[in-house]
Amino acid sequence: MSRNIRNVVLIALLLTVTVIFIASPVLAQQYGGEKIGSALDRITDWLTRILGATIIIIGIIVVGIRMSLHDEQALQKGIWVVVGGLLIFLAKNILALIKGIAGI
């Protein structure tokens, strides 16, 4: 019985977060979109720089530890961690490149 309640609470939480994310651009545009837009740009800049760099650093550390424990797939998994971290780290630049190519 508690498992069903937990599932219902999880679904309700996910629906609430989804509604908030869908409604936030509309509210942001209506109530001072310029300030909120610049704040969102600063937040995404921070997230891409800090999160991407953190994933790369932690990934390299974990791969080094796993390689020292003689894990045969550590290098392969580590390459994917570094590639994922670089994608996050360079996301804004990649988007700017795509916009430049598309002429937007």
PDB file of N, CA and C in Angstrom:
ATOM      1  N   MET A   1       0.817  -1.196   0.000  1.00  0.00           N
ATOM      2  CA  MET A   1       0.000   0.000   0.000  1.00  0.00           C
ATOM      3  C   MET A   1       0.858   1.256   0.000  1.00  0.00           C
ATOM      4  N   SER A   2       1.955   1.240   0.756  1.00  0.00           N
ATOM      5  CA  SER A   2       2.806   2.425   0.821  1.00  0.00           C
ATOM      6  C   SER A   2       3.511   2.675  -0.511  1.00  0.00           C
ATOM      7  N   ARG A   3       3.737   1.612  -1.270  1.00  0.00           N
ATOM      8  CA  ARG A   3       4.377   1.762  -2.579  1.00  0.00           C
ATOM      9  C   ARG A   3       3.461   2.536  -3.531  1.00  0.00           C
ATOM     10  N   ASN A   4       2.160   2.262  -3.491  1.00  0.00           N
ATOM     11  CA  ASN A   4       1.202   2.991  -4.319  1.00  0.00           C
ATOM     12  C   ASN A   4       1.147   4.463  -3.936  1.00  0.00           C
ATOM     13  N   ILE A   5       1.171   4.730  -2.644  1.00  0.00           N
ATOM     14  CA  ILE A   5       1.144   6.117  -2.185  1.00  0.00           C
ATOM     15  C   ILE A   5       2.404   6.840  -2.633  1.00  0.00           C
ATOM     16  N   ARG A   6       3.532   6.171  -2.536  1.00  0.00           N
ATOM     17  CA  ARG A   6       4.792   6.774  -2.963  1.00  0.00           C
ATOM     18  C   ARG A   6       4.764   7.070  -4.453  1.00  0.00           C
ATOM     19  N   ASN A   7       4.214   6.178  -5.248  1.00  0.00           N
ATOM     20  CA  ASN A   7       4.112   6.405  -6.687  1.00  0.00           C
ATOM     21  C   ASN A   7       3.200   7.577  -7.007  1.00  0.00           C
ATOM     22  N   VAL A   8       2.082   7.685  -6.292  1.00  0.00           N
ATOM     23  CA  VAL A   8       1.155   8.794  -6.517  1.00  0.00           C
ATOM     24  C   VAL A   8       1.816  10.117  -6.141  1.00  0.00           C
ATOM     25  N   VAL A   9       2.530  10.146  -5.035  1.00  0.00           N
ATOM     26  CA  VAL A   9       3.216  11.369  -4.612  1.00  0.00           C
ATOM     27  C   VAL A   9       4.289  11.746  -5.627  1.00  0.00           C
ATOM     28  N   LEU A  10       5.023  10.774  -6.124  1.00  0.00           N
ATOM     29  CA  LEU A  10       6.060  11.037  -7.117  1.00  0.00           C
ATOM     30  C   LEU A  10       5.468  11.584  -8.408  1.00  0.00           C
ATOM     31  N   ILE A  11       4.367  11.011  -8.861  1.00  0.00           N
ATOM     32  CA  ILE A  11       3.704  11.494 -10.073  1.00  0.00           C
ATOM     33  C   ILE A  11       3.168  12.905  -9.866  1.00  0.00           C
ATOM     34  N   ALA A  12       2.585  13.168  -8.711  1.00  0.00           N
ATOM     35  CA  ALA A  12       2.078  14.512  -8.418  1.00  0.00           C
ATOM     36  C   ALA A  12       3.209  15.525  -8.378  1.00  0.00           C
ATOM     37  N   LEU A  13       4.336  15.147  -7.809  1.00  0.00           N
ATOM     38  CA  LEU A  13       5.489  16.037  -7.762  1.00  0.00           C
ATOM     39  C   LEU A  13       6.022  16.327  -9.157  1.00  0.00           C
ATOM     40  N   LEU A  14       6.119  15.307  -9.989  1.00  0.00           N
ATOM     41  CA  LEU A  14       6.596  15.502 -11.358  1.00  0.00           C
ATOM     42  C   LEU A  14       5.644  16.375 -12.163  1.00  0.00           C
ATOM     43  N   LEU A  15       4.339  16.181 -11.997  1.00  0.00           N
ATOM     44  CA  LEU A  15       3.366  17.020 -12.687  1.00  0.00           C
ATOM     45  C   LEU A  15       3.443  18.474 -12.222  1.00  0.00           C
ATOM     46  N   THR A  16       3.646  18.680 -10.927  1.00  0.00           N
ATOM     47  CA  THR A  16       3.769  20.033 -10.394  1.00  0.00           C
ATOM     48  C   THR A  16       4.995  20.738 -10.959  1.00  0.00           C
ATOM     49  N   VAL A  17       6.111  20.047 -10.973  1.00  0.00           N
ATOM     50  CA  VAL A  17       7.341  20.633 -11.525  1.00  0.00           C
ATOM     51  C   VAL A  17       7.161  20.931 -13.007  1.00  0.00           C
ATOM     52  N   THR A  18       6.513  20.039 -13.744  1.00  0.00           N
ATOM     53  CA  THR A  18       6.280  20.258 -15.168  1.00  0.00           C
ATOM     54  C   THR A  18       5.415  21.489 -15.399  1.00  0.00           C
ATOM     55  N   VAL A  19       4.353  21.641 -14.621  1.00  0.00           N
ATOM     56  CA  VAL A  19       3.470  22.805 -14.767  1.00  0.00           C
ATOM     57  C   VAL A  19       4.226  24.083 -14.444  1.00  0.00           C
ATOM     58  N   ILE A  20       5.060  24.050 -13.425  1.00  0.00           N
ATOM     59  CA  ILE A  20       5.837  25.246 -13.065  1.00  0.00           C
ATOM     60  C   ILE A  20       6.786  25.625 -14.192  1.00  0.00           C
ATOM     61  N   PHE A  21       7.466  24.637 -14.777  1.00  0.00           N
ATOM     62  CA  PHE A  21       8.397  24.936 -15.861  1.00  0.00           C
ATOM     63  C   PHE A  21       7.677  25.409 -17.118  1.00  0.00           C
ATOM     64  N   ILE A  22       6.484  24.925 -17.348  1.00  0.00           N
ATOM     65  CA  ILE A  22       5.729  25.379 -18.518  1.00  0.00           C
ATOM     66  C   ILE A  22       5.206  26.792 -18.297  1.00  0.00           C
ATOM     67  N   ALA A  23       4.765  27.098 -17.088  1.00  0.00           N
ATOM     68  CA  ALA A  23       4.165  28.404 -16.814  1.00  0.00           C
ATOM     69  C   ALA A  23       5.208  29.493 -16.585  1.00  0.00           C
ATOM     70  N   SER A  24       6.415  29.143 -16.199  1.00  0.00           N
ATOM     71  CA  SER A  24       7.391  30.169 -15.836  1.00  0.00           C
ATOM     72  C   SER A  24       7.775  31.098 -16.983  1.00  0.00           C
ATOM     73  N   PRO A  25       7.951  30.647 -18.243  1.00  0.00           N
ATOM     74  CA  PRO A  25       8.263  31.627 -19.294  1.00  0.00           C
ATOM     75  C   PRO A  25       7.135  32.627 -19.532  1.00  0.00           C
ATOM     76  N   VAL A  26       5.895  32.175 -19.421  1.00  0.00           N
ATOM     77  CA  VAL A  26       4.762  33.073 -19.615  1.00  0.00           C
ATOM     78  C   VAL A  26       4.738  34.131 -18.514  1.00  0.00           C
ATOM     79  N   LEU A  27       4.906  33.703 -17.281  1.00  0.00           N
ATOM     80  CA  LEU A  27       4.923  34.648 -16.166  1.00  0.00           C
ATOM     81  C   LEU A  27       6.141  35.552 -16.235  1.00  0.00           C
ATOM     82  N   ALA A  28       7.268  35.021 -16.672  1.00  0.00           N
ATOM     83  CA  ALA A  28       8.478  35.831 -16.779  1.00  0.00           C
ATOM     84  C   ALA A  28       8.297  36.941 -17.799  1.00  0.00           C
ATOM     85  N   GLN A  29       7.676  36.647 -18.907  1.00  0.00           N
ATOM     86  CA  GLN A  29       7.458  37.654 -19.945  1.00  0.00           C
ATOM     87  C   GLN A  29       6.450  38.700 -19.474  1.00  0.00           C
ATOM     88  N   GLN A  30       5.449  38.266 -18.729  1.00  0.00           N
ATOM     89  CA  GLN A  30       4.405  39.178 -18.291  1.00  0.00           C
ATOM     90  C   GLN A  30       4.882  40.098 -17.173  1.00  0.00           C
ATOM     91  N   TYR A  31       5.692  39.590 -16.271  1.00  0.00           N
ATOM     92  CA  TYR A  31       6.121  40.359 -15.110  1.00  0.00           C
ATOM     93  C   TYR A  31       7.615  40.634 -15.156  1.00  0.00           C
ATOM     94  N   GLY A  32       8.048  41.517 -16.018  1.00  0.00           N
ATOM     95  CA  GLY A  32       9.449  41.931 -16.048  1.00  0.00           C
ATOM     96  C   GLY A  32      10.348  40.929 -16.711  1.00  0.00           C
ATOM     97  N   GLY A  33      10.074  40.623 -17.951  1.00  0.00           N
ATOM     98  CA  GLY A  33      10.825  39.601 -18.670  1.00  0.00           C
ATOM     99  C   GLY A  33      12.299  39.910 -18.822  1.00  0.00           C
ATOM    100  N   GLU A  34      12.666  41.182 -18.898  1.00  0.00           N
ATOM    101  CA  GLU A  34      14.073  41.542 -19.115  1.00  0.00           C
ATOM    102  C   GLU A  34      14.947  41.148 -17.932  1.00  0.00           C
ATOM    103  N   LYS A  35      14.479  41.450 -16.715  1.00  0.00           N
ATOM    104  CA  LYS A  35      15.252  41.110 -15.522  1.00  0.00           C
ATOM    105  C   LYS A  35      15.346  39.600 -15.345  1.00  0.00           C
ATOM    106  N   ILE A  36      14.234  38.922 -15.553  1.00  0.00           N
ATOM    107  CA  ILE A  36      14.215  37.471 -15.379  1.00  0.00           C
ATOM    108  C   ILE A  36      15.038  36.803 -16.477  1.00  0.00           C
ATOM    109  N   GLY A  37      14.966  37.338 -17.689  1.00  0.00           N
ATOM    110  CA  GLY A  37      15.755  36.768 -18.779  1.00  0.00           C
ATOM    111  C   GLY A  37      17.245  36.867 -18.525  1.00  0.00           C
ATOM    112  N   SER A  38      17.698  38.012 -18.007  1.00  0.00           N
ATOM    113  CA  SER A  38      19.119  38.156 -17.709  1.00  0.00           C
ATOM    114  C   SER A  38      19.513  37.269 -16.528  1.00  0.00           C
ATOM    115  N   ALA A  39      18.615  37.112 -15.564  1.00  0.00           N
ATOM    116  CA  ALA A  39      18.904  36.222 -14.435  1.00  0.00           C
ATOM    117  C   ALA A  39      19.000  34.775 -14.905  1.00  0.00           C
ATOM    118  N   LEU A  40      18.102  34.369 -15.804  1.00  0.00           N
ATOM    119  CA  LEU A  40      18.164  33.006 -16.334  1.00  0.00           C
ATOM    120  C   LEU A  40      19.432  32.786 -17.144  1.00  0.00           C
ATOM    121  N   ASP A  41      19.877  33.808 -17.879  1.00  0.00           N
ATOM    122  CA  ASP A  41      21.132  33.685 -18.613  1.00  0.00           C
ATOM    123  C   ASP A  41      22.312  33.497 -17.664  1.00  0.00           C
ATOM    124  N   ARG A  42      22.318  34.257 -16.573  1.00  0.00           N
ATOM    125  CA  ARG A  42      23.404  34.112 -15.597  1.00  0.00           C
ATOM    126  C   ARG A  42      23.367  32.730 -14.945  1.00  0.00           C
ATOM    127  N   ILE A  43      22.169  32.247 -14.641  1.00  0.00           N
ATOM    128  CA  ILE A  43      22.048  30.924 -14.013  1.00  0.00           C
ATOM    129  C   ILE A  43      22.513  29.830 -14.971  1.00  0.00           C
ATOM    130  N   THR A  44      22.103  29.902 -16.230  1.00  0.00           N
ATOM    131  CA  THR A  44      22.532  28.874 -17.185  1.00  0.00           C
ATOM    132  C   THR A  44      24.027  28.954 -17.456  1.00  0.00           C
ATOM    133  N   ASP A  45      24.589  30.170 -17.480  1.00  0.00           N
ATOM    134  CA  ASP A  45      26.049  30.295 -17.608  1.00  0.00           C
ATOM    135  C   ASP A  45      26.748  29.611 -16.452  1.00  0.00           C
ATOM    136  N   TRP A  46      26.263  29.889 -15.243  1.00  0.00           N
ATOM    137  CA  TRP A  46      26.875  29.283 -14.070  1.00  0.00           C
ATOM    138  C   TRP A  46      26.743  27.769 -14.097  1.00  0.00           C
ATOM    139  N   LEU A  47      25.545  27.289 -14.437  1.00  0.00           N
ATOM    140  CA  LEU A  47      25.328  25.846 -14.461  1.00  0.00           C
ATOM    141  C   LEU A  47      26.222  25.156 -15.477  1.00  0.00           C
ATOM    142  N   THR A  48      26.314  25.727 -16.686  1.00  0.00           N
ATOM    143  CA  THR A  48      27.117  25.060 -17.708  1.00  0.00           C
ATOM    144  C   THR A  48      28.591  25.075 -17.349  1.00  0.00           C
ATOM    145  N   ARG A  49      29.072  26.173 -16.806  1.00  0.00           N
ATOM    146  CA  ARG A  49      30.494  26.235 -16.457  1.00  0.00           C
ATOM    147  C   ARG A  49      30.823  25.379 -15.254  1.00  0.00           C
ATOM    148  N   ILE A  50      30.084  25.539 -14.178  1.00  0.00           N
ATOM    149  CA  ILE A  50      30.393  24.825 -12.937  1.00  0.00           C
ATOM    150  C   ILE A  50      30.036  23.347 -13.052  1.00  0.00           C
ATOM    151  N   LEU A  51      28.837  23.045 -13.536  1.00  0.00           N
ATOM    152  CA  LEU A  51      28.397  21.649 -13.617  1.00  0.00           C
ATOM    153  C   LEU A  51      29.248  20.861 -14.604  1.00  0.00           C
ATOM    154  N   GLY A  52      29.507  21.439 -15.766  1.00  0.00           N
ATOM    155  CA  GLY A  52      30.324  20.743 -16.751  1.00  0.00           C
ATOM    156  C   GLY A  52      31.729  20.480 -16.247  1.00  0.00           C
ATOM    157  N   ALA A  53      32.354  21.495 -15.665  1.00  0.00           N
ATOM    158  CA  ALA A  53      33.709  21.328 -15.148  1.00  0.00           C
ATOM    159  C   ALA A  53      33.743  20.334 -13.991  1.00  0.00           C
ATOM    160  N   THR A  54      32.727  20.381 -13.142  1.00  0.00           N
ATOM    161  CA  THR A  54      32.670  19.455 -12.008  1.00  0.00           C
ATOM    162  C   THR A  54      32.527  18.018 -12.479  1.00  0.00           C
ATOM    163  N   ILE A  55      31.680  17.789 -13.477  1.00  0.00           N
ATOM    164  CA  ILE A  55      31.509  16.433 -14.003  1.00  0.00           C
ATOM    165  C   ILE A  55      32.813  15.929 -14.603  1.00  0.00           C
ATOM    166  N   ILE A  56      33.509  16.791 -15.327  1.00  0.00           N
ATOM    167  CA  ILE A  56      34.782  16.378 -15.922  1.00  0.00           C
ATOM    168  C   ILE A  56      35.789  16.013 -14.838  1.00  0.00           C
ATOM    169  N   ILE A  57      35.930  16.856 -13.831  1.00  0.00           N
ATOM    170  CA  ILE A  57      36.925  16.610 -12.776  1.00  0.00           C
ATOM    171  C   ILE A  57      36.589  15.358 -11.987  1.00  0.00           C
ATOM    172  N   ILE A  58      35.323  15.230 -11.555  1.00  0.00           N
ATOM    173  CA  ILE A  58      34.936  14.041 -10.784  1.00  0.00           C
ATOM    174  C   ILE A  58      35.057  12.791 -11.651  1.00  0.00           C
ATOM    175  N   GLY A  59      34.698  12.902 -12.930  1.00  0.00           N
ATOM    176  CA  GLY A  59      34.834  11.754 -13.834  1.00  0.00           C
ATOM    177  C   GLY A  59      36.261  11.300 -13.967  1.00  0.00           C
ATOM    178  N   ILE A  60      37.191  12.232 -14.108  1.00  0.00           N
ATOM    179  CA  ILE A  60      38.597  11.866 -14.228  1.00  0.00           C
ATOM    180  C   ILE A  60      39.099  11.218 -12.943  1.00  0.00           C
ATOM    181  N   ILE A  61      38.676  11.738 -11.794  1.00  0.00           N
ATOM    182  CA  ILE A  61      39.088  11.148 -10.521  1.00  0.00           C
ATOM    183  C   ILE A  61      38.555   9.729 -10.380  1.00  0.00           C
ATOM    184  N   VAL A  62      37.263   9.537 -10.696  1.00  0.00           N
ATOM    185  CA  VAL A  62      36.659   8.204 -10.578  1.00  0.00           C
ATOM    186  C   VAL A  62      37.312   7.227 -11.550  1.00  0.00           C
ATOM    187  N   VAL A  63      37.589   7.685 -12.767  1.00  0.00           N
ATOM    188  CA  VAL A  63      38.245   6.810 -13.741  1.00  0.00           C
ATOM    189  C   VAL A  63      39.634   6.431 -13.258  1.00  0.00           C
ATOM    190  N   GLY A  64      40.354   7.380 -12.698  1.00  0.00           N
ATOM    191  CA  GLY A  64      41.680   7.060 -12.165  1.00  0.00           C
ATOM    192  C   GLY A  64      41.618   6.028 -11.054  1.00  0.00           C
ATOM    193  N   ILE A  65      40.642   6.172 -10.168  1.00  0.00           N
ATOM    194  CA  ILE A  65      40.484   5.200  -9.080  1.00  0.00           C
ATOM    195  C   ILE A  65      40.121   3.830  -9.638  1.00  0.00           C
ATOM    196  N   ARG A  66      39.191   3.803 -10.590  1.00  0.00           N
ATOM    197  CA  ARG A  66      38.772   2.518 -11.156  1.00  0.00           C
ATOM    198  C   ARG A  66      39.892   1.866 -11.955  1.00  0.00           C
ATOM    199  N   MET A  67      40.702   2.669 -12.631  1.00  0.00           N
ATOM    200  CA  MET A  67      41.845   2.100 -13.361  1.00  0.00           C
ATOM    201  C   MET A  67      42.869   1.530 -12.388  1.00  0.00           C
ATOM    202  N   SER A  68      43.039   2.182 -11.228  1.00  0.00           N
ATOM    203  CA  SER A  68      43.980   1.658 -10.238  1.00  0.00           C
ATOM    204  C   SER A  68      43.462   0.362  -9.623  1.00  0.00           C
ATOM    205  N   LEU A  69      42.157   0.153  -9.678  1.00  0.00           N
ATOM    206  CA  LEU A  69      41.568  -1.098  -9.182  1.00  0.00           C
ATOM    207  C   LEU A  69      41.467  -2.150 -10.286  1.00  0.00           C
ATOM    208  N   HIS A  70      42.114  -1.905 -11.418  1.00  0.00           N
ATOM    209  CA  HIS A  70      42.199  -2.819 -12.554  1.00  0.00           C
ATOM    210  C   HIS A  70      40.841  -3.108 -13.197  1.00  0.00           C
ATOM    211  N   ASP A  71      40.006  -2.079 -13.310  1.00  0.00           N
ATOM    212  CA  ASP A  71      38.746  -2.223 -14.033  1.00  0.00           C
ATOM    213  C   ASP A  71      39.023  -2.063 -15.525  1.00  0.00           C
ATOM    214  N   GLU A  72      38.644  -3.074 -16.307  1.00  0.00           N
ATOM    215  CA  GLU A  72      38.976  -3.070 -17.731  1.00  0.00           C
ATOM    216  C   GLU A  72      38.145  -2.067 -18.530  1.00  0.00           C
ATOM    217  N   GLN A  73      36.965  -1.736 -18.068  1.00  0.00           N
ATOM    218  CA  GLN A  73      36.102  -0.814 -18.802  1.00  0.00           C
ATOM    219  C   GLN A  73      36.177   0.612 -18.270  1.00  0.00           C
ATOM    220  N   ALA A  74      37.084   0.875 -17.359  1.00  0.00           N
ATOM    221  CA  ALA A  74      37.161   2.194 -16.737  1.00  0.00           C
ATOM    222  C   ALA A  74      37.505   3.274 -17.755  1.00  0.00           C
ATOM    223  N   LEU A  75      38.442   3.013 -18.626  1.00  0.00           N
ATOM    224  CA  LEU A  75      38.845   4.021 -19.599  1.00  0.00           C
ATOM    225  C   LEU A  75      37.711   4.326 -20.569  1.00  0.00           C
ATOM    226  N   GLN A  76      36.998   3.294 -21.004  1.00  0.00           N
ATOM    227  CA  GLN A  76      35.874   3.504 -21.916  1.00  0.00           C
ATOM    228  C   GLN A  76      34.783   4.333 -21.249  1.00  0.00           C
ATOM    229  N   LYS A  77      34.435   4.020 -20.014  1.00  0.00           N
ATOM    230  CA  LYS A  77      33.419   4.785 -19.290  1.00  0.00           C
ATOM    231  C   LYS A  77      33.914   6.195 -19.000  1.00  0.00           C
ATOM    232  N   GLY A  78      35.193   6.323 -18.723  1.00  0.00           N
ATOM    233  CA  GLY A  78      35.758   7.632 -18.435  1.00  0.00           C
ATOM    234  C   GLY A  78      35.718   8.555 -19.631  1.00  0.00           C
ATOM    235  N   ILE A  79      35.930   8.016 -20.806  1.00  0.00           N
ATOM    236  CA  ILE A  79      35.860   8.821 -22.016  1.00  0.00           C
ATOM    237  C   ILE A  79      34.452   9.379 -22.184  1.00  0.00           C
ATOM    238  N   TRP A  80      33.440   8.548 -21.921  1.00  0.00           N
ATOM    239  CA  TRP A  80      32.060   9.024 -22.041  1.00  0.00           C
ATOM    240  C   TRP A  80      31.725  10.083 -21.002  1.00  0.00           C
ATOM    241  N   VAL A  81      32.280   9.944 -19.792  1.00  0.00           N
ATOM    242  CA  VAL A  81      32.054  10.961 -18.756  1.00  0.00           C
ATOM    243  C   VAL A  81      32.661  12.290 -19.179  1.00  0.00           C
ATOM    244  N   VAL A  82      33.876  12.243 -19.709  1.00  0.00           N
ATOM    245  CA  VAL A  82      34.539  13.468 -20.141  1.00  0.00           C
ATOM    246  C   VAL A  82      33.796  14.088 -21.323  1.00  0.00           C
ATOM    247  N   VAL A  83      33.347  13.270 -22.272  1.00  0.00           N
ATOM    248  CA  VAL A  83      32.591  13.792 -23.415  1.00  0.00           C
ATOM    249  C   VAL A  83      31.285  14.437 -22.936  1.00  0.00           C
ATOM    250  N   GLY A  84      30.587  13.813 -22.012  1.00  0.00           N
ATOM    251  CA  GLY A  84      29.352  14.386 -21.478  1.00  0.00           C
ATOM    252  C   GLY A  84      29.601  15.682 -20.741  1.00  0.00           C
ATOM    253  N   GLY A  85      30.655  15.725 -19.939  1.00  0.00           N
ATOM    254  CA  GLY A  85      30.996  16.959 -19.240  1.00  0.00           C
ATOM    255  C   GLY A  85      31.360  18.078 -20.200  1.00  0.00           C
ATOM    256  N   LEU A  86      32.089  17.742 -21.265  1.00  0.00           N
ATOM    257  CA  LEU A  86      32.426  18.755 -22.265  1.00  0.00           C
ATOM    258  C   LEU A  86      31.188  19.266 -22.990  1.00  0.00           C
ATOM    259  N   LEU A  87      30.238  18.382 -23.265  1.00  0.00           N
ATOM    260  CA  LEU A  87      28.994  18.825 -23.901  1.00  0.00           C
ATOM    261  C   LEU A  87      28.241  19.804 -23.012  1.00  0.00           C
ATOM    262  N   ILE A  88      28.176  19.517 -21.726  1.00  0.00           N
ATOM    263  CA  ILE A  88      27.515  20.428 -20.806  1.00  0.00           C
ATOM    264  C   ILE A  88      28.306  21.734 -20.705  1.00  0.00           C
ATOM    265  N   PHE A  89      29.632  21.617 -20.591  1.00  0.00           N
ATOM    266  CA  PHE A  89      30.495  22.785 -20.433  1.00  0.00           C
ATOM    267  C   PHE A  89      30.422  23.712 -21.651  1.00  0.00           C
ATOM    268  N   LEU A  90      30.310  23.135 -22.839  1.00  0.00           N
ATOM    269  CA  LEU A  90      30.318  23.920 -24.070  1.00  0.00           C
ATOM    270  C   LEU A  90      28.930  24.115 -24.670  1.00  0.00           C
ATOM    271  N   ALA A  91      27.883  23.834 -23.924  1.00  0.00           N
ATOM    272  CA  ALA A  91      26.522  23.873 -24.460  1.00  0.00           C
ATOM    273  C   ALA A  91      26.156  25.243 -25.020  1.00  0.00           C
ATOM    274  N   LYS A  92      26.474  26.308 -24.307  1.00  0.00           N
ATOM    275  CA  LYS A  92      26.124  27.646 -24.801  1.00  0.00           C
ATOM    276  C   LYS A  92      26.892  27.986 -26.068  1.00  0.00           C
ATOM    277  N   ASN A  93      28.158  27.596 -26.133  1.00  0.00           N
ATOM    278  CA  ASN A  93      28.954  27.873 -27.324  1.00  0.00           C
ATOM    279  C   ASN A  93      28.456  27.064 -28.519  1.00  0.00           C
ATOM    280  N   ILE A  94      28.063  25.822 -28.276  1.00  0.00           N
ATOM    281  CA  ILE A  94      27.525  24.992 -29.360  1.00  0.00           C
ATOM    282  C   ILE A  94      26.217  25.594 -29.871  1.00  0.00           C
ATOM    283  N   LEU A  95      25.380  26.066 -28.965  1.00  0.00           N
ATOM    284  CA  LEU A  95      24.126  26.703 -29.362  1.00  0.00           C
ATOM    285  C   LEU A  95      24.392  27.977 -30.167  1.00  0.00           C
ATOM    286  N   ALA A  96      25.360  28.770 -29.744  1.00  0.00           N
ATOM    287  CA  ALA A  96      25.711  29.988 -30.491  1.00  0.00           C
ATOM    288  C   ALA A  96      26.227  29.635 -31.885  1.00  0.00           C
ATOM    289  N   LEU A  97      26.995  28.556 -32.003  1.00  0.00           N
ATOM    290  CA  LEU A  97      27.496  28.111 -33.304  1.00  0.00           C
ATOM    291  C   LEU A  97      26.348  27.686 -34.211  1.00  0.00           C
ATOM    292  N   ILE A  98      25.410  26.928 -33.666  1.00  0.00           N
ATOM    293  CA  ILE A  98      24.253  26.476 -34.455  1.00  0.00           C
ATOM    294  C   ILE A  98      23.420  27.682 -34.896  1.00  0.00           C
ATOM    295  N   LYS A  99      23.213  28.640 -33.985  1.00  0.00           N
ATOM    296  CA  LYS A  99      22.457  29.840 -34.348  1.00  0.00           C
ATOM    297  C   LYS A  99      23.177  30.637 -35.431  1.00  0.00           C
ATOM    298  N   GLY A 100      24.506  30.705 -35.343  1.00  0.00           N
ATOM    299  CA  GLY A 100      25.272  31.422 -36.345  1.00  0.00           C
ATOM    300  C   GLY A 100      25.193  30.772 -37.717  1.00  0.00           C
ATOM    301  N   ILE A 101      25.248  29.452 -37.736  1.00  0.00           N
ATOM    302  CA  ILE A 101      25.136  28.723 -39.004  1.00  0.00           C
ATOM    303  C   ILE A 101      23.744  28.886 -39.586  1.00  0.00           C
ATOM    304  N   ALA A 102      22.725  28.851 -38.718  1.00  0.00           N
ATOM    305  CA  ALA A 102      21.345  28.977 -39.187  1.00  0.00           C
ATOM    306  C   ALA A 102      20.985  30.415 -39.527  1.00  0.00           C
ATOM    307  N   GLY A 103      21.783  31.366 -39.092  1.00  0.00           N
ATOM    308  CA  GLY A 103      21.507  32.768 -39.392  1.00  0.00           C
ATOM    309  C   GLY A 103      20.450  33.392 -38.505  1.00  0.00           C
ATOM    310  N   ILE A 104      20.320  32.875 -37.306  1.00  0.00           N
ATOM    311  CA  ILE A 104      19.305  33.397 -36.368  1.00  0.00           C
ATOM    312  C   ILE A 104      19.928  34.480 -35.513  1.00  0.00           C
TER     313      ILE A 104
END
